């Protein structure tokens, strides 16, 4: 099961398509730079995709709605 659930994340991001775009870009950035916004022990997921989802849910990634 994915943590956090998609339903909870969609309260932060308006559409599934925007969520996929944001999370894909953030996970690539994590892989390239090894920069994480939380301590590694605070993430529940081990993979960059899951970690990016957690960052979106925790409002660590700010989304411009323009």
PDB file of N, CA and C in Angstrom:
ATOM      1  N   UNK A   1       0.838  -1.183   0.000  1.00  0.00           N
ATOM      2  CA  UNK A   1       0.000   0.000   0.000  1.00  0.00           C
ATOM      3  C   UNK A   1       0.888   1.254   0.000  1.00  0.00           C
ATOM      4  N   UNK A   2       0.492   2.232  -0.743  1.00  0.00           N
ATOM      5  CA  UNK A   2       1.257   3.474  -0.863  1.00  0.00           C
ATOM      6  C   UNK A   2       0.954   4.375   0.331  1.00  0.00           C
ATOM      7  N   UNK A   3       2.016   4.921   0.898  1.00  0.00           N
ATOM      8  CA  UNK A   3       1.830   5.932   1.934  1.00  0.00           C
ATOM      9  C   UNK A   3       2.403   7.219   1.401  1.00  0.00           C
ATOM     10  N   UNK A   4       1.767   8.290   1.522  1.00  0.00           N
ATOM     11  CA  UNK A   4       0.377   8.507   1.916  1.00  0.00           C
ATOM     12  C   UNK A   4      -0.559   8.123   0.780  1.00  0.00           C
ATOM     13  N   UNK A   5      -1.815   7.920   1.097  1.00  0.00           N
ATOM     14  CA  UNK A   5      -2.759   7.481   0.069  1.00  0.00           C
ATOM     15  C   UNK A   5      -2.996   8.593  -0.954  1.00  0.00           C
ATOM     16  N   UNK A   6      -3.319   8.174  -2.132  1.00  0.00           N
ATOM     17  CA  UNK A   6      -3.545   9.118  -3.232  1.00  0.00           C
ATOM     18  C   UNK A   6      -4.690  10.073  -2.897  1.00  0.00           C
ATOM     19  N   UNK A   7      -5.711   9.585  -2.221  1.00  0.00           N
ATOM     20  CA  UNK A   7      -6.844  10.446  -1.858  1.00  0.00           C
ATOM     21  C   UNK A   7      -6.407  11.605  -0.976  1.00  0.00           C
ATOM     22  N   UNK A   8      -5.511  11.351  -0.044  1.00  0.00           N
ATOM     23  CA  UNK A   8      -5.024  12.418   0.839  1.00  0.00           C
ATOM     24  C   UNK A   8      -4.157  13.412   0.077  1.00  0.00           C
ATOM     25  N   UNK A   9      -3.355  12.910  -0.850  1.00  0.00           N
ATOM     26  CA  UNK A   9      -2.473  13.796  -1.616  1.00  0.00           C
ATOM     27  C   UNK A   9      -3.277  14.673  -2.561  1.00  0.00           C
ATOM     28  N   UNK A  10      -4.385  14.158  -3.080  1.00  0.00           N
ATOM     29  CA  UNK A  10      -5.191  14.955  -4.008  1.00  0.00           C
ATOM     30  C   UNK A  10      -5.871  16.132  -3.318  1.00  0.00           C
ATOM     31  N   UNK A  11      -5.836  16.191  -1.998  1.00  0.00           N
ATOM     32  CA  UNK A  11      -6.284  17.389  -1.291  1.00  0.00           C
ATOM     33  C   UNK A  11      -5.248  18.493  -1.398  1.00  0.00           C
ATOM     34  N   UNK A  12      -3.994  18.118  -1.673  1.00  0.00           N
ATOM     35  CA  UNK A  12      -2.904  19.084  -1.803  1.00  0.00           C
ATOM     36  C   UNK A  12      -2.735  19.503  -3.265  1.00  0.00           C
ATOM     37  N   UNK A  13      -2.818  18.525  -4.166  1.00  0.00           N
ATOM     38  CA  UNK A  13      -2.641  18.763  -5.607  1.00  0.00           C
ATOM     39  C   UNK A  13      -3.998  18.579  -6.283  1.00  0.00           C
ATOM     40  N   UNK A  14      -4.290  19.430  -7.249  1.00  0.00           N
ATOM     41  CA  UNK A  14      -5.611  19.428  -7.872  1.00  0.00           C
ATOM     42  C   UNK A  14      -5.905  18.226  -8.761  1.00  0.00           C
ATOM     43  N   UNK A  15      -4.910  17.733  -9.482  1.00  0.00           N
ATOM     44  CA  UNK A  15      -5.195  16.648 -10.422  1.00  0.00           C
ATOM     45  C   UNK A  15      -4.136  15.553 -10.332  1.00  0.00           C
ATOM     46  N   UNK A  16      -4.532  14.377 -10.766  1.00  0.00           N
ATOM     47  CA  UNK A  16      -3.599  13.244 -10.774  1.00  0.00           C
ATOM     48  C   UNK A  16      -2.461  13.492 -11.754  1.00  0.00           C
ATOM     49  N   UNK A  17      -2.758  14.165 -12.848  1.00  0.00           N
ATOM     50  CA  UNK A  17      -1.748  14.427 -13.871  1.00  0.00           C
ATOM     51  C   UNK A  17      -0.664  15.362 -13.335  1.00  0.00           C
ATOM     52  N   UNK A  18      -1.080  16.394 -12.624  1.00  0.00           N
ATOM     53  CA  UNK A  18      -0.113  17.306 -12.019  1.00  0.00           C
ATOM     54  C   UNK A  18       0.716  16.571 -10.969  1.00  0.00           C
ATOM     55  N   UNK A  19       0.082  15.715 -10.214  1.00  0.00           N
ATOM     56  CA  UNK A  19       0.787  14.946  -9.195  1.00  0.00           C
ATOM     57  C   UNK A  19       1.863  14.064  -9.810  1.00  0.00           C
ATOM     58  N   UNK A  20       1.533  13.379 -10.884  1.00  0.00           N
ATOM     59  CA  UNK A  20       2.503  12.514 -11.563  1.00  0.00           C
ATOM     60  C   UNK A  20       3.679  13.335 -12.067  1.00  0.00           C
ATOM     61  N   UNK A  21       3.408  14.476 -12.656  1.00  0.00           N
ATOM     62  CA  UNK A  21       4.467  15.342 -13.175  1.00  0.00           C
ATOM     63  C   UNK A  21       5.385  15.831 -12.057  1.00  0.00           C
ATOM     64  N   UNK A  22       4.811  16.292 -10.983  1.00  0.00           N
ATOM     65  CA  UNK A  22       5.584  16.833  -9.858  1.00  0.00           C
ATOM     66  C   UNK A  22       6.426  15.741  -9.209  1.00  0.00           C
ATOM     67  N   UNK A  23       5.819  14.601  -8.939  1.00  0.00           N
ATOM     68  CA  UNK A  23       6.514  13.523  -8.244  1.00  0.00           C
ATOM     69  C   UNK A  23       7.616  12.935  -9.120  1.00  0.00           C
ATOM     70  N   UNK A  24       7.375  12.802 -10.409  1.00  0.00           N
ATOM     71  CA  UNK A  24       8.405  12.274 -11.307  1.00  0.00           C
ATOM     72  C   UNK A  24       9.618  13.193 -11.337  1.00  0.00           C
ATOM     73  N   UNK A  25       9.375  14.487 -11.461  1.00  0.00           N
ATOM     74  CA  UNK A  25      10.494  15.430 -11.488  1.00  0.00           C
ATOM     75  C   UNK A  25      11.248  15.464 -10.166  1.00  0.00           C
ATOM     76  N   UNK A  26      10.530  15.437  -9.057  1.00  0.00           N
ATOM     77  CA  UNK A  26      11.182  15.472  -7.747  1.00  0.00           C
ATOM     78  C   UNK A  26      11.988  14.203  -7.492  1.00  0.00           C
ATOM     79  N   UNK A  27      11.471  13.054  -7.892  1.00  0.00           N
ATOM     80  CA  UNK A  27      12.211  11.815  -7.668  1.00  0.00           C
ATOM     81  C   UNK A  27      13.478  11.760  -8.514  1.00  0.00           C
ATOM     82  N   UNK A  28      13.421  12.284  -9.738  1.00  0.00           N
ATOM     83  CA  UNK A  28      14.630  12.366 -10.559  1.00  0.00           C
ATOM     84  C   UNK A  28      15.654  13.289  -9.920  1.00  0.00           C
ATOM     85  N   UNK A  29      15.173  14.406  -9.375  1.00  0.00           N
ATOM     86  CA  UNK A  29      16.059  15.352  -8.702  1.00  0.00           C
ATOM     87  C   UNK A  29      16.719  14.701  -7.480  1.00  0.00           C
ATOM     88  N   UNK A  30      15.950  13.938  -6.717  1.00  0.00           N
ATOM     89  CA  UNK A  30      16.510  13.234  -5.552  1.00  0.00           C
ATOM     90  C   UNK A  30      17.601  12.261  -5.967  1.00  0.00           C
ATOM     91  N   UNK A  31      17.355  11.535  -7.049  1.00  0.00           N
ATOM     92  CA  UNK A  31      18.315  10.546  -7.516  1.00  0.00           C
ATOM     93  C   UNK A  31      19.607  11.199  -7.990  1.00  0.00           C
ATOM     94  N   UNK A  32      19.493  12.311  -8.706  1.00  0.00           N
ATOM     95  CA  UNK A  32      20.679  12.991  -9.234  1.00  0.00           C
ATOM     96  C   UNK A  32      21.487  13.696  -8.152  1.00  0.00           C
ATOM     97  N   UNK A  33      20.810  14.415  -7.264  1.00  0.00           N
ATOM     98  CA  UNK A  33      21.511  15.288  -6.323  1.00  0.00           C
ATOM     99  C   UNK A  33      21.688  14.703  -4.924  1.00  0.00           C
ATOM    100  N   UNK A  34      20.944  13.650  -4.606  1.00  0.00           N
ATOM    101  CA  UNK A  34      20.958  13.082  -3.255  1.00  0.00           C
ATOM    102  C   UNK A  34      20.527  14.102  -2.206  1.00  0.00           C
ATOM    103  N   UNK A  35      19.701  15.056  -2.586  1.00  0.00           N
ATOM    104  CA  UNK A  35      19.188  16.061  -1.650  1.00  0.00           C
ATOM    105  C   UNK A  35      17.769  15.674  -1.247  1.00  0.00           C
ATOM    106  N   UNK A  36      17.572  15.556   0.054  1.00  0.00           N
ATOM    107  CA  UNK A  36      16.262  15.215   0.606  1.00  0.00           C
ATOM    108  C   UNK A  36      15.837  16.317   1.565  1.00  0.00           C
ATOM    109  N   UNK A  37      14.569  16.639   1.590  1.00  0.00           N
ATOM    110  CA  UNK A  37      14.073  17.729   2.420  1.00  0.00           C
ATOM    111  C   UNK A  37      13.792  17.297   3.851  1.00  0.00           C
ATOM    112  N   UNK A  38      13.764  15.995   4.097  1.00  0.00           N
ATOM    113  CA  UNK A  38      13.577  15.478   5.452  1.00  0.00           C
ATOM    114  C   UNK A  38      14.756  14.557   5.758  1.00  0.00           C
ATOM    115  N   UNK A  39      14.951  14.227   7.016  1.00  0.00           N
ATOM    116  CA  UNK A  39      15.957  13.233   7.364  1.00  0.00           C
ATOM    117  C   UNK A  39      15.555  11.900   6.770  1.00  0.00           C
ATOM    118  N   UNK A  40      16.536  11.123   6.351  1.00  0.00           N
ATOM    119  CA  UNK A  40      16.230   9.845   5.715  1.00  0.00           C
ATOM    120  C   UNK A  40      15.456   8.914   6.644  1.00  0.00           C
ATOM    121  N   UNK A  41      15.689   9.014   7.939  1.00  0.00           N
ATOM    122  CA  UNK A  41      14.977   8.145   8.884  1.00  0.00           C
ATOM    123  C   UNK A  41      13.498   8.523   9.013  1.00  0.00           C
ATOM    124  N   UNK A  42      13.126   9.749   8.609  1.00  0.00           N
ATOM    125  CA  UNK A  42      11.740  10.209   8.710  1.00  0.00           C
ATOM    126  C   UNK A  42      10.865   9.722   7.555  1.00  0.00           C
ATOM    127  N   UNK A  43      11.483   9.287   6.454  1.00  0.00           N
ATOM    128  CA  UNK A  43      10.717   8.768   5.316  1.00  0.00           C
ATOM    129  C   UNK A  43      10.232   7.361   5.630  1.00  0.00           C
ATOM    130  N   UNK A  44       9.013   7.060   5.242  1.00  0.00           N
ATOM    131  CA  UNK A  44       8.483   5.708   5.398  1.00  0.00           C
ATOM    132  C   UNK A  44       8.802   4.858   4.188  1.00  0.00           C
ATOM    133  N   UNK A  45       8.993   5.500   3.049  1.00  0.00           N
ATOM    134  CA  UNK A  45       9.293   4.794   1.809  1.00  0.00           C
ATOM    135  C   UNK A  45      10.792   4.768   1.572  1.00  0.00           C
ATOM    136  N   UNK A  46      11.253   3.726   0.902  1.00  0.00           N
ATOM    137  CA  UNK A  46      12.670   3.612   0.585  1.00  0.00           C
ATOM    138  C   UNK A  46      12.990   4.113  -0.820  1.00  0.00           C
ATOM    139  N   UNK A  47      11.988   4.172  -1.673  1.00  0.00           N
ATOM    140  CA  UNK A  47      12.212   4.554  -3.064  1.00  0.00           C
ATOM    141  C   UNK A  47      11.963   6.048  -3.262  1.00  0.00           C
ATOM    142  N   UNK A  48      12.657   6.656  -4.234  1.00  0.00           N
ATOM    143  CA  UNK A  48      12.495   8.097  -4.477  1.00  0.00           C
ATOM    144  C   UNK A  48      11.072   8.519  -4.815  1.00  0.00           C
ATOM    145  N   UNK A  49      10.331   7.690  -5.531  1.00  0.00           N
ATOM    146  CA  UNK A  49       8.944   8.033  -5.876  1.00  0.00           C
ATOM    147  C   UNK A  49       8.113   8.175  -4.607  1.00  0.00           C
ATOM    148  N   UNK A  50       8.224   7.229  -3.723  1.00  0.00           N
ATOM    149  CA  UNK A  50       7.485   7.277  -2.465  1.00  0.00           C
ATOM    150  C   UNK A  50       7.910   8.442  -1.602  1.00  0.00           C
ATOM    151  N   UNK A  51       9.206   8.723  -1.595  1.00  0.00           N
ATOM    152  CA  UNK A  51       9.711   9.852  -0.815  1.00  0.00           C
ATOM    153  C   UNK A  51       9.200  11.170  -1.370  1.00  0.00           C
ATOM    154  N   UNK A  52       9.115  11.264  -2.698  1.00  0.00           N
ATOM    155  CA  UNK A  52       8.578  12.480  -3.314  1.00  0.00           C
ATOM    156  C   UNK A  52       7.098  12.641  -2.977  1.00  0.00           C
ATOM    157  N   UNK A  53       6.356  11.554  -2.953  1.00  0.00           N
ATOM    158  CA  UNK A  53       4.946  11.615  -2.550  1.00  0.00           C
ATOM    159  C   UNK A  53       4.812  12.098  -1.114  1.00  0.00           C
ATOM    160  N   UNK A  54       5.693  11.626  -0.241  1.00  0.00           N
ATOM    161  CA  UNK A  54       5.652  12.062   1.154  1.00  0.00           C
ATOM    162  C   UNK A  54       5.954  13.551   1.270  1.00  0.00           C
ATOM    163  N   UNK A  55       6.901  14.046   0.472  1.00  0.00           N
ATOM    164  CA  UNK A  55       7.229  15.467   0.506  1.00  0.00           C
ATOM    165  C   UNK A  55       6.052  16.314   0.036  1.00  0.00           C
ATOM    166  N   UNK A  56       5.355  15.865  -0.980  1.00  0.00           N
ATOM    167  CA  UNK A  56       4.174  16.599  -1.450  1.00  0.00           C
ATOM    168  C   UNK A  56       3.126  16.619  -0.349  1.00  0.00           C
ATOM    169  N   UNK A  57       2.896  15.490   0.285  1.00  0.00           N
ATOM    170  CA  UNK A  57       1.889  15.395   1.340  1.00  0.00           C
ATOM    171  C   UNK A  57       2.240  16.268   2.541  1.00  0.00           C
ATOM    172  N   UNK A  58       3.516  16.392   2.851  1.00  0.00           N
ATOM    173  CA  UNK A  58       3.961  17.203   3.988  1.00  0.00           C
ATOM    174  C   UNK A  58       4.090  18.690   3.624  1.00  0.00           C
ATOM    175  N   UNK A  59       3.675  19.060   2.420  1.00  0.00           N
ATOM    176  CA  UNK A  59       3.759  20.443   1.916  1.00  0.00           C
ATOM    177  C   UNK A  59       5.189  20.969   1.869  1.00  0.00           C
ATOM    178  N   UNK A  60       6.131  20.111   1.602  1.00  0.00           N
ATOM    179  CA  UNK A  60       7.523  20.537   1.441  1.00  0.00           C
ATOM    180  C   UNK A  60       7.813  20.958   0.007  1.00  0.00           C
ATOM    181  N   UNK A  61       6.925  20.580  -0.887  1.00  0.00           N
ATOM    182  CA  UNK A  61       7.024  21.011  -2.292  1.00  0.00           C
ATOM    183  C   UNK A  61       5.867  21.957  -2.544  1.00  0.00           C
ATOM    184  N   UNK A  62       6.191  23.184  -2.894  1.00  0.00           N
ATOM    185  CA  UNK A  62       5.159  24.189  -3.113  1.00  0.00           C
ATOM    186  C   UNK A  62       4.789  24.206  -4.583  1.00  0.00           C
ATOM    187  N   UNK A  63       3.507  24.224  -4.851  1.00  0.00           N
ATOM    188  CA  UNK A  63       2.988  24.129  -6.207  1.00  0.00           C
ATOM    189  C   UNK A  63       2.317  25.442  -6.591  1.00  0.00           C
ATOM    190  N   UNK A  64       2.792  26.037  -7.676  1.00  0.00           N
ATOM    191  CA  UNK A  64       2.155  27.250  -8.192  1.00  0.00           C
ATOM    192  C   UNK A  64       0.982  26.841  -9.055  1.00  0.00           C
ATOM    193  N   UNK A  65      -0.160  27.410  -8.784  1.00  0.00           N
ATOM    194  CA  UNK A  65      -1.382  27.042  -9.518  1.00  0.00           C
ATOM    195  C   UNK A  65      -1.713  28.112 -10.549  1.00  0.00           C
ATOM    196  N   UNK A  66      -0.765  28.374 -11.412  1.00  0.00           N
ATOM    197  CA  UNK A  66      -0.963  29.394 -12.449  1.00  0.00           C
ATOM    198  C   UNK A  66      -1.214  28.774 -13.780  1.00  0.00           C
TER     199      UNK A  66
END
